[in-house]
């Protein structure tokens, strides 16, 4: 088959799961575009569809399976010719996918994202009805040129892959492998490319960004990495996602405090506060360490926004454990918080733990935490009424006839929005000042400051 025939195929992508998965999708997109393929936004127009899956917890697995089944329907009833499954589901269930979903034509594991071109060509040629590639995941080349799939001005920069934390509930180490940092030079080169593309907000991600560099440089090196990124690029907003409490060094705190380009926002997943639960979860550090880390951050960086995530209903969680957590949420008043029920995952130590918790109890506990957090968030937001905040404009909502964006205290996709009126249409990707007028649950509503808005007119 000639190269010309290969280029007739249209490729569609479905990308699921976390931002780290999104960056993998963007690398695969770039490799296919470089090879000359046409990428279509609507998978109903595609000849070959690639779904980059998530399999972290049960709900993510269901979403991934549903996405594959939707593509299978298109393959049976429309023009779709082949389905390629990539990502965590492909890695975790490599022996089951072909058997249980015969509509799938090719599978590539997390170590084989650079084999996407081989998978596409195998589907075109139909020489191998069931193509699969599982390169050693801990040897995969990290990073690579990307095609940005978001709005173009806010994106993610993955600085490491895998995880060594070995939390008892988590399947990521078995799916993604051991923790591996990218070299600082490689990361800086990508940051410069993103800067040249006009990126205004760079969200630093990995399974645990605070572990960055320990494998390459023998010490935690997130602080010098951040300093170098801000020295060598003009990106104004740098956001830190997934920092672990036991690795928050004084050097990192000082860099966040003193570097004006680093947002005073830290995603700090603590999962629990009970010593009993933290030990059972195999978390690093106890409740005292968590409390001390939160105290150090807030004392050193006044006004910092702390986001955390919690797990309730972990096996053996007693009423006392839960009440201790609920009281800690109430007294600590995290600015941003998400709470999840424990998902029992095979191939994790906790799967076989005794004293599994009833699903209704899990949900009740989650609801209690989130009701408390909603009240905390409402009180915090009420204090902003009448104040002016800096906002990154994301777009215009034609239905609501209002602009929307985010403040420095709001990470993309997980936190709230700032909706605002303006006498002129403001260009997406612009920074402007917004005066807050009211609160809508987790969101704010306000109006653009006139002098600033007119400068940013589309």
Protein backbone atom coordinates (compact mmCIF):
# COMPACT_ATOMS: atom_id res chain seq x y z
CA UNK A 1 0.00 0.00 0.00
CA UNK A 2 1.36 3.42 -0.89
CA UNK A 3 1.61 6.43 1.40
CA UNK A 4 -0.99 8.19 -0.73
CA UNK A 5 -3.61 5.59 0.14
CA UNK A 6 -2.85 5.89 3.84
CA UNK A 7 -3.57 9.61 3.72
CA UNK A 8 -7.15 9.02 2.57
CA UNK A 9 -8.13 7.91 6.06
CA UNK A 10 -9.73 10.35 8.49
CA UNK A 11 -8.85 9.89 12.17
CA UNK A 12 -11.10 10.77 15.10
CA UNK A 13 -10.05 10.91 18.76
CA UNK A 14 -11.96 10.41 22.00
CA UNK A 15 -9.79 11.38 24.97
CA UNK A 16 -10.97 10.43 28.46
CA UNK A 17 -9.65 10.75 31.98
CA UNK A 18 -7.10 13.05 33.52
CA UNK A 19 -5.01 15.89 32.06
CA UNK A 20 -2.02 13.53 31.97
CA UNK A 21 -3.98 11.37 29.55
CA UNK A 22 -4.84 14.47 27.53
CA UNK A 23 -1.18 15.24 26.96
CA UNK A 24 -0.67 11.68 25.65
CA UNK A 25 -3.56 12.22 23.25
CA UNK A 26 -1.96 15.43 22.04
CA UNK A 27 1.33 13.63 21.38
CA UNK A 28 -0.47 10.96 19.33
CA UNK A 29 -2.36 13.64 17.40
CA UNK A 30 0.89 15.32 16.46
CA UNK A 31 2.46 12.10 15.23
CA UNK A 32 -0.53 11.35 12.99
CA UNK A 33 -0.70 14.89 11.64
CA UNK A 34 3.02 14.80 10.88
CA UNK A 35 2.42 11.58 8.95
CA UNK A 36 -0.18 13.42 6.85
CA UNK A 37 -3.45 12.14 8.26
CA UNK A 38 -6.55 14.28 8.51
CA UNK A 39 -7.92 14.63 12.03
CA UNK A 40 -11.67 15.19 12.38
CA UNK A 41 -13.35 16.60 15.47
CA UNK A 42 -16.46 14.44 15.09
CA UNK A 43 -15.89 10.70 15.31
CA UNK A 44 -19.00 10.13 13.16
CA UNK A 45 -16.94 11.49 10.25
CA UNK A 46 -13.92 9.29 10.97
CA UNK A 47 -12.69 6.17 9.21
CA UNK A 48 -10.58 5.19 12.22
CA UNK A 49 -11.41 6.19 15.79
CA UNK A 50 -8.89 6.16 18.63
CA UNK A 51 -10.16 6.24 22.20
CA UNK A 52 -7.59 7.09 24.86
CA UNK A 53 -9.10 5.48 27.93
CA UNK A 54 -9.02 5.86 31.70
CA UNK A 55 -9.26 2.96 34.16
CA UNK A 56 -8.38 4.53 37.48
CA UNK A 57 -11.64 3.73 39.26
CA UNK A 58 -14.84 1.89 38.42
CA UNK A 59 -16.71 4.94 37.11
CA UNK A 60 -13.80 5.76 34.78
CA UNK A 61 -13.75 2.19 33.47
CA UNK A 62 -17.47 2.34 32.76
CA UNK A 63 -17.05 5.62 30.89
CA UNK A 64 -14.25 4.12 28.80
CA UNK A 65 -16.24 1.00 27.99
CA UNK A 66 -19.29 3.05 27.07
CA UNK A 67 -17.15 5.16 24.73
CA UNK A 68 -15.85 2.03 23.00
CA UNK A 69 -19.37 0.65 22.66
CA UNK A 70 -20.55 3.93 21.15
CA UNK A 71 -17.80 3.62 18.55
CA UNK A 72 -18.76 -0.01 17.98
CA UNK A 73 -22.26 1.19 17.09
CA UNK A 74 -20.79 3.64 14.57
CA UNK A 75 -18.71 0.84 13.13
CA UNK A 76 -21.78 -1.33 12.65
CA UNK A 77 -24.22 1.31 11.45
CA UNK A 78 -22.15 4.15 9.95
CA UNK A 79 -18.87 4.62 8.07
CA UNK A 80 -16.40 3.91 10.86
CA UNK A 81 -14.03 1.16 9.77
CA UNK A 82 -11.70 0.57 12.72
CA UNK A 83 -11.42 1.17 16.47
CA UNK A 84 -8.12 1.58 18.32
CA UNK A 85 -8.09 1.48 22.13
CA UNK A 86 -5.21 3.23 23.92
CA UNK A 87 -4.43 4.32 27.46
CA UNK A 88 -5.04 2.90 30.90
CA UNK A 89 -7.91 0.52 30.09
CA UNK A 90 -5.83 -0.94 27.27
CA UNK A 91 -2.91 -1.39 29.65
CA UNK A 92 -4.91 -2.77 32.56
CA UNK A 93 -7.11 -5.21 30.65
CA UNK A 94 -4.90 -6.14 27.73
CA UNK A 95 -5.99 -9.80 27.83
CA UNK A 96 -9.73 -9.13 27.99
CA UNK A 97 -10.47 -6.36 25.50
CA UNK A 98 -10.28 -8.38 22.27
CA UNK A 99 -12.28 -11.22 23.83
CA UNK A 100 -15.03 -9.07 25.29
CA UNK A 101 -15.14 -6.36 22.62
CA UNK A 102 -14.47 -8.01 19.25
CA UNK A 103 -15.29 -4.72 17.50
CA UNK A 104 -11.89 -3.40 18.63
CA UNK A 105 -9.23 -3.70 15.92
CA UNK A 106 -6.10 -2.56 17.73
CA UNK A 107 -4.81 -1.93 21.25
CA UNK A 108 -1.82 0.11 22.33
CA UNK A 109 -0.63 0.22 25.94
CA UNK A 110 0.56 3.26 27.83
CA UNK A 111 4.15 2.50 26.80
CA UNK A 112 3.19 2.42 23.14
CA UNK A 113 1.69 5.83 22.43
CA UNK A 114 4.48 6.34 19.90
CA UNK A 115 3.20 3.21 18.11
CA UNK A 116 -0.06 4.89 17.21
CA UNK A 117 1.03 5.24 13.58
CA UNK A 118 1.74 1.51 13.40
CA UNK A 119 -1.71 0.77 14.81
CA UNK A 120 -3.43 3.06 12.29
CA UNK A 121 -1.56 1.51 9.37
CA UNK A 122 -2.35 -2.01 10.59
CA UNK A 123 -6.04 -1.08 10.63
CA UNK A 124 -5.80 0.36 7.11
CA UNK A 125 -4.11 -2.68 5.67
CA UNK A 126 -6.23 -5.16 7.63
CA UNK A 127 -3.21 -7.45 7.62
CA UNK A 128 -3.66 -8.03 11.32
CA UNK A 129 -7.22 -8.23 12.55
CA UNK A 130 -6.07 -7.70 16.12
CA UNK A 131 -3.01 -5.45 16.25
CA UNK A 132 -1.52 -4.85 19.69
CA UNK A 133 1.58 -3.08 21.00
CA UNK A 134 2.82 -3.16 24.56
CA UNK A 135 6.23 -1.59 24.70
CA UNK A 136 7.87 -1.51 28.16
CA UNK A 137 6.01 1.35 29.80
CA UNK A 138 8.96 2.41 31.93
CA UNK A 139 11.09 2.85 28.81
CA UNK A 140 8.68 4.99 26.81
CA UNK A 141 10.02 8.34 25.65
CA UNK A 142 8.40 10.95 27.87
CA UNK A 143 7.02 14.09 26.33
CA UNK A 144 7.11 14.87 22.63
CA UNK A 145 5.62 17.44 20.28
CA UNK A 146 1.90 17.98 20.85
CA UNK A 147 -1.18 19.40 19.19
CA UNK A 148 -3.04 21.45 21.80
CA UNK A 149 -6.64 20.25 22.05
CA UNK A 150 -7.99 22.81 24.48
CA UNK A 151 -8.59 26.51 24.02
CA UNK A 152 -4.96 27.20 23.12
CA UNK A 153 -4.14 29.52 26.01
CA UNK A 154 -4.44 27.14 28.96
CA UNK A 155 -2.78 23.74 28.86
CA UNK A 156 -0.96 21.09 30.88
CA UNK A 157 2.73 20.26 31.13
CA UNK A 158 3.46 16.72 32.29
CA UNK A 159 6.80 16.63 34.09
CA UNK A 160 6.90 12.95 35.10
CA UNK A 161 5.19 9.62 34.58
CA UNK A 162 4.23 6.77 36.89
CA UNK A 163 4.13 6.67 40.66
CA UNK A 164 6.10 5.16 43.55
CA UNK A 165 3.76 6.14 46.37
CA UNK A 166 1.92 2.78 46.37
CA UNK A 167 -1.26 3.96 48.08
CA UNK A 168 -3.29 0.89 49.00
CA UNK A 169 -6.33 1.94 46.97
CA UNK A 170 -4.55 2.96 43.78
CA UNK A 171 -3.91 0.98 40.58
CA UNK A 172 -1.77 3.66 38.92
CA UNK A 173 1.64 2.07 39.72
CA UNK A 174 0.55 -1.19 38.09
CA UNK A 175 -0.88 0.67 35.10
CA UNK A 176 1.66 3.45 34.57
CA UNK A 177 4.75 1.96 36.17
CA UNK A 178 7.36 3.44 38.45
CA UNK A 179 7.91 7.16 38.82
CA UNK A 180 10.14 8.65 36.11
CA UNK A 181 11.01 12.33 35.86
CA UNK A 182 11.59 14.05 32.54
CA UNK A 183 14.87 15.89 32.31
CA UNK A 184 14.75 19.55 33.19
CA UNK A 185 16.12 20.46 29.77
CA UNK A 186 13.33 18.55 28.02
CA UNK A 187 10.64 20.18 30.12
CA UNK A 188 12.03 23.67 29.60
CA UNK A 189 12.17 23.09 25.84
CA UNK A 190 8.48 22.14 25.82
CA UNK A 191 7.56 25.09 28.03
CA UNK A 192 9.27 27.40 25.54
CA UNK A 193 7.31 25.85 22.68
CA UNK A 194 4.05 26.36 24.58
CA UNK A 195 5.04 29.95 25.34
CA UNK A 196 5.65 30.54 21.62
CA UNK A 197 2.18 29.18 20.89
CA UNK A 198 0.64 31.83 23.13
CA UNK A 199 -0.11 29.77 26.24
CA UNK A 200 -1.11 31.99 29.17
CA UNK A 201 -1.69 29.36 31.85
CA UNK A 202 0.56 26.35 32.35
CA UNK A 203 -0.74 23.66 34.68
CA UNK A 204 2.09 21.47 35.98
CA UNK A 205 0.97 17.84 36.30
CA UNK A 206 2.22 14.36 37.16
CA UNK A 207 0.95 11.72 39.55
CA UNK A 208 3.04 13.50 42.20
CA UNK A 209 4.82 16.66 41.03
CA UNK A 210 6.54 17.16 44.39
CA UNK A 211 8.56 13.98 43.78
CA UNK A 212 9.99 15.52 40.62
CA UNK A 213 13.73 15.05 40.15
CA UNK A 214 14.45 12.64 42.99
CA UNK A 215 15.25 9.87 40.50
CA UNK A 216 17.38 12.03 38.19
CA UNK A 217 19.04 14.52 40.50
CA UNK A 218 18.96 12.79 43.89
CA UNK A 219 16.75 15.45 45.47
CA UNK A 220 13.31 16.99 45.11
CA UNK A 221 13.76 19.48 42.29
CA UNK A 222 10.35 21.00 41.63
CA UNK A 223 11.37 24.39 43.00
CA UNK A 224 14.40 24.86 40.70
CA UNK A 225 12.37 23.53 37.77
CA UNK A 226 9.65 26.12 38.38
CA UNK A 227 12.21 28.87 38.75
CA UNK A 228 13.80 27.94 35.43
CA UNK A 229 10.43 27.77 33.63
CA UNK A 230 9.53 31.25 34.82
CA UNK A 231 12.98 32.58 33.92
CA UNK A 232 12.94 31.21 30.38
CA UNK A 233 9.31 31.82 29.39
CA UNK A 234 6.84 34.69 29.56
CA UNK A 235 3.90 32.50 30.60
CA UNK A 236 2.19 34.58 33.30
CA UNK A 237 0.28 31.87 35.19
CA UNK A 238 1.94 28.67 36.44
CA UNK A 239 -0.36 26.39 38.44
CA UNK A 240 0.68 23.41 40.60
CA UNK A 241 -1.50 20.30 40.58
CA UNK A 242 -1.05 17.12 42.66
CA UNK A 243 1.46 18.05 45.38
CA UNK A 244 1.85 15.54 48.19
CA UNK A 245 1.97 16.83 51.80
CA UNK A 246 5.07 14.85 52.81
CA UNK A 247 7.20 16.39 50.04
CA UNK A 248 6.37 20.09 50.44
CA UNK A 249 9.85 21.47 51.12
CA UNK A 250 10.71 24.87 52.53
CA UNK A 251 12.47 25.60 49.22
CA UNK A 252 9.24 24.92 47.30
CA UNK A 253 7.17 27.07 49.65
CA UNK A 254 9.62 29.94 49.21
CA UNK A 255 9.52 29.62 45.42
CA UNK A 256 5.71 29.73 45.38
CA UNK A 257 5.73 32.71 47.75
CA UNK A 258 8.37 34.76 45.97
CA UNK A 259 7.79 33.96 42.30
CA UNK A 260 5.04 36.22 40.93
CA UNK A 261 4.35 33.92 37.97
CA UNK A 262 3.51 30.95 40.20
CA UNK A 263 -0.10 31.13 41.27
CA UNK A 264 -0.74 31.02 44.98
CA UNK A 265 -2.71 27.83 44.43
CA UNK A 266 -1.65 24.33 45.48
CA UNK A 267 -3.53 21.10 44.85
CA UNK A 268 -2.71 19.06 47.96
CA UNK A 269 -4.54 15.69 47.98
CA UNK A 270 -4.56 14.57 51.62
CA UNK A 271 -7.24 11.79 51.27
CA UNK A 272 -7.86 11.60 55.04
CA UNK A 273 -6.75 12.98 58.39
CA UNK A 274 -7.25 9.97 60.69
CA UNK A 275 -3.94 8.28 61.52
CA UNK A 276 -5.73 4.94 61.37
CA UNK A 277 -6.96 5.59 57.85
CA UNK A 278 -3.73 7.16 56.57
CA UNK A 279 -1.74 4.15 57.74
CA UNK A 280 -4.24 1.71 56.25
CA UNK A 281 -4.17 3.63 52.95
CA UNK A 282 -0.34 3.45 53.01
CA UNK A 283 -0.12 7.21 52.76
CA UNK A 284 3.22 8.81 53.61
CA UNK A 285 2.93 10.72 56.85
CA UNK A 286 0.28 10.96 59.53
CA UNK A 287 -2.41 13.46 60.43
CA UNK A 288 0.08 15.67 62.26
CA UNK A 289 2.19 15.97 59.11
CA UNK A 290 -0.87 16.95 57.06
CA UNK A 291 -1.85 19.60 59.60
CA UNK A 292 1.69 20.94 59.74
CA UNK A 293 1.97 21.17 55.95
CA UNK A 294 -1.27 23.12 55.69
CA UNK A 295 -0.10 25.43 58.49
CA UNK A 296 3.30 26.04 56.85
CA UNK A 297 1.72 26.89 53.51
CA UNK A 298 -0.82 29.29 54.95
CA UNK A 299 1.62 31.02 57.27
CA UNK A 300 4.21 31.53 54.55
CA UNK A 301 1.79 32.44 51.74
CA UNK A 302 -1.14 34.53 53.01
CA UNK A 303 -4.18 34.21 50.81
CA UNK A 304 -3.08 30.91 49.26
CA UNK A 305 -5.80 28.75 47.72
CA UNK A 306 -5.52 25.15 48.89
CA UNK A 307 -7.40 22.45 47.00
CA UNK A 308 -7.61 18.96 48.42
CA UNK A 309 -9.29 15.64 47.71
CA UNK A 310 -10.65 13.16 50.22
CA UNK A 311 -11.67 9.50 50.16
CA UNK A 312 -14.48 8.31 52.41
CA UNK A 313 -15.63 4.75 52.91
CA UNK A 314 -12.18 3.17 52.74
CA UNK A 315 -12.25 -0.34 54.24
CA UNK A 316 -12.26 -0.18 58.01
CA UNK A 317 -13.22 3.50 58.21
CA UNK A 318 -15.05 3.77 61.51
CA UNK A 319 -17.59 6.39 62.46
CA UNK A 320 -14.88 7.94 64.64
CA UNK A 321 -12.48 8.10 61.71
CA UNK A 322 -15.09 9.79 59.55
CA UNK A 323 -16.13 12.29 62.22
CA UNK A 324 -12.49 13.25 62.73
CA UNK A 325 -12.24 13.94 58.99
CA UNK A 326 -15.50 15.90 58.94
CA UNK A 327 -14.35 18.03 61.87
CA UNK A 328 -11.02 18.68 60.17
CA UNK A 329 -12.79 19.87 57.01
CA UNK A 330 -14.94 22.18 59.09
CA UNK A 331 -12.03 23.68 61.04
CA UNK A 332 -9.48 23.87 58.21
CA UNK A 333 -11.82 25.42 55.64
CA UNK A 334 -10.02 24.39 52.47
CA UNK A 335 -10.70 26.89 49.72
CA UNK A 336 -11.36 24.05 47.25
CA UNK A 337 -12.26 20.44 48.08
CA UNK A 338 -13.49 17.32 46.33
CA UNK A 339 -14.68 14.19 48.12
CA UNK A 340 -14.94 10.73 46.56
CA UNK A 341 -16.19 7.40 47.77
CA UNK A 342 -13.69 4.56 47.88
CA UNK A 343 -13.69 2.48 44.70
CA UNK A 344 -12.72 -1.16 45.21
CA UNK A 345 -10.16 -1.92 42.50
CA UNK A 346 -8.70 -5.31 41.71
CA UNK A 347 -4.90 -5.57 41.75
CA UNK A 348 -4.68 -3.16 44.66
CA UNK A 349 -3.93 -4.15 48.27
CA UNK A 350 -7.16 -2.63 49.58
CA UNK A 351 -9.28 -4.86 47.34
CA UNK A 352 -8.88 -7.73 49.80
CA UNK A 353 -9.05 -5.66 52.96
CA UNK A 354 -11.68 -6.73 55.51
CA UNK A 355 -14.47 -4.44 56.68
CA UNK A 356 -15.52 -3.13 53.28
CA UNK A 357 -18.01 -0.28 53.73
CA UNK A 358 -21.60 -0.33 52.48
CA UNK A 359 -22.15 1.83 49.39
CA UNK A 360 -24.98 3.80 51.00
CA UNK A 361 -22.77 4.62 53.99
CA UNK A 362 -20.03 5.78 51.61
CA UNK A 363 -22.43 8.05 49.74
CA UNK A 364 -23.92 9.46 52.94
CA UNK A 365 -20.46 10.34 54.21
CA UNK A 366 -19.48 11.96 50.92
CA UNK A 367 -22.68 14.01 50.90
CA UNK A 368 -22.05 15.22 54.43
CA UNK A 369 -18.55 16.40 53.57
CA UNK A 370 -19.66 18.15 50.38
CA UNK A 371 -22.56 19.92 52.11
CA UNK A 372 -20.10 21.34 54.61
CA UNK A 373 -17.73 22.37 51.84
CA UNK A 374 -20.51 24.07 49.90
CA UNK A 375 -21.25 26.21 52.96
CA UNK A 376 -17.53 27.02 53.39
CA UNK A 377 -17.21 27.95 49.74
CA UNK A 378 -20.32 30.14 49.88
CA UNK A 379 -18.97 32.04 52.89
CA UNK A 380 -15.59 32.53 51.23
CA UNK A 381 -17.18 33.73 47.99
CA UNK A 382 -19.51 36.15 49.79
CA UNK A 383 -16.42 37.94 51.06
CA UNK A 384 -15.43 38.65 47.45
CA UNK A 385 -18.59 40.62 46.64
CA UNK A 386 -17.62 44.18 45.81
CA UNK A 387 -13.98 43.28 45.25
CA UNK A 388 -12.10 43.27 41.95
CA UNK A 389 -10.31 40.09 40.89
CA UNK A 390 -8.05 39.18 37.98
CA UNK A 391 -9.71 36.82 35.47
CA UNK A 392 -8.50 34.86 32.47
CA UNK A 393 -11.31 35.10 29.91
CA UNK A 394 -12.16 31.71 28.42
CA UNK A 395 -15.04 32.45 26.08
CA UNK A 396 -18.48 33.91 25.45
CA UNK A 397 -21.63 31.97 26.35
CA UNK A 398 -24.08 32.73 23.53
CA UNK A 399 -27.02 31.18 25.38
CA UNK A 400 -26.49 33.11 28.60
CA UNK A 401 -25.11 36.11 26.68
CA UNK A 402 -22.25 36.46 29.12
CA UNK A 403 -18.49 35.98 29.19
CA UNK A 404 -16.86 33.45 31.46
CA UNK A 405 -13.38 32.71 32.72
CA UNK A 406 -11.43 31.75 35.82
CA UNK A 407 -9.55 33.50 38.57
CA UNK A 408 -6.14 32.45 39.87
CA UNK A 409 -8.03 30.50 42.55
CA UNK A 410 -9.78 28.27 40.01
CA UNK A 411 -8.08 25.43 38.15
CA UNK A 412 -9.50 24.38 34.76
CA UNK A 413 -12.21 21.72 34.70
CA UNK A 414 -12.31 21.14 38.47
CA UNK A 415 -13.05 24.50 40.09
CA UNK A 416 -15.64 27.21 39.57
CA UNK A 417 -16.07 29.88 36.91
CA UNK A 418 -16.30 33.65 36.92
CA UNK A 419 -19.15 34.90 34.72
CA UNK A 420 -19.04 38.54 33.76
CA UNK A 421 -20.76 41.13 31.61
CA UNK A 422 -18.78 43.53 29.46
CA UNK A 423 -19.65 46.50 27.25
CA UNK A 424 -17.44 44.94 24.55
CA UNK A 425 -16.68 41.39 23.42
CA UNK A 426 -13.51 40.33 25.22
CA UNK A 427 -11.02 38.12 23.37
CA UNK A 428 -10.58 34.60 24.85
CA UNK A 429 -7.17 34.25 26.45
CA UNK A 430 -7.17 37.84 27.72
CA UNK A 431 -6.60 38.87 31.32
CA UNK A 432 -8.93 41.49 32.75
CA UNK A 433 -10.28 42.79 36.02
CA UNK A 434 -13.79 41.81 37.08
CA UNK A 435 -15.79 43.36 39.91
CA UNK A 436 -17.69 40.62 41.76
CA UNK A 437 -21.40 41.27 42.27
CA UNK A 438 -22.93 37.97 43.38
CA UNK A 439 -22.34 34.28 44.08
CA UNK A 440 -23.87 31.24 42.38
CA UNK A 441 -22.83 28.17 44.42
CA UNK A 442 -19.19 27.65 43.41
CA UNK A 443 -19.26 30.35 40.73
CA UNK A 444 -18.94 34.12 40.79
CA UNK A 445 -20.81 36.71 38.72
CA UNK A 446 -19.56 40.20 38.04
CA UNK A 447 -18.84 42.89 35.50
CA UNK A 448 -15.66 43.74 33.60
CA UNK A 449 -13.83 46.86 34.66
CA UNK A 450 -14.50 49.24 31.77
CA UNK A 451 -11.03 50.61 31.09
CA UNK A 452 -9.53 47.13 31.07
CA UNK A 453 -12.26 45.55 28.96
CA UNK A 454 -12.05 48.08 26.13
CA UNK A 455 -8.37 47.36 25.70
CA UNK A 456 -9.19 43.69 25.14
CA UNK A 457 -12.03 44.10 22.65
CA UNK A 458 -12.14 41.45 19.91
